Amino acid sequence: MAELLRRAGAEALGALALVIAGCGAIVTDAHTHGALGAVSKGV
């Protein structure tokens, strides 16, 4: 059971990091008036 909780926690932390990074890229692109382009948001 402890192994399942550890793996689920790692999965949740990784998903949260990806969501925060994606939102940060969108906000940065909006702040720079599109200077980053669509590729940077996709990465």
Protein backbone atom coordinates (compact mmCIF):
# COMPACT_ATOMS: atom_id res chain seq x y z
CA MET A 1 0.00 0.00 0.00
CA ALA A 2 2.85 2.38 0.80
CA GLU A 3 4.36 1.76 -2.64
CA LEU A 4 1.07 2.68 -4.31
CA LEU A 5 0.83 5.93 -2.33
CA ARG A 6 4.43 6.80 -3.18
CA ARG A 7 3.86 6.22 -6.89
CA ALA A 8 0.55 8.08 -6.90
CA GLY A 9 2.16 11.02 -5.09
CA ALA A 10 5.00 11.13 -7.62
CA GLU A 11 2.49 11.04 -10.49
CA ALA A 12 0.46 13.87 -8.96
CA LEU A 13 3.57 15.97 -8.36
CA GLY A 14 4.75 15.45 -11.94
CA ALA A 15 1.34 16.35 -13.36
CA LEU A 16 1.20 19.48 -11.20
CA ALA A 17 4.66 20.53 -12.40
CA LEU A 18 3.62 20.14 -16.05
CA VAL A 19 0.44 22.16 -15.52
CA ILE A 20 2.31 24.97 -13.75
CA ALA A 21 5.00 25.05 -16.46
CA GLY A 22 2.35 25.17 -19.20
CA CYS A 23 0.47 27.99 -17.52
CA GLY A 24 3.72 29.86 -16.99
CA ALA A 25 4.56 29.56 -20.69
CA ILE A 26 1.15 30.90 -21.68
CA VAL A 27 1.38 33.85 -19.29
CA THR A 28 4.92 34.65 -20.41
CA ASP A 29 3.86 34.50 -24.06
CA ALA A 30 0.98 36.87 -23.35
CA HIS A 31 3.25 39.23 -21.39
CA THR A 32 5.77 39.40 -24.26
CA HIS A 33 2.96 39.89 -26.83
CA GLY A 34 3.56 36.62 -28.63
CA ALA A 35 7.34 36.77 -28.82
CA LEU A 36 7.69 33.15 -27.70
CA GLY A 37 5.41 31.71 -30.35
CA ALA A 38 3.31 28.57 -30.43
CA VAL A 39 6.31 26.21 -30.32
CA SER A 40 7.38 27.36 -26.87
CA LYS A 41 3.89 26.74 -25.49
CA GLY A 42 3.90 23.28 -27.00
CA VAL A 43 7.25 22.38 -25.47
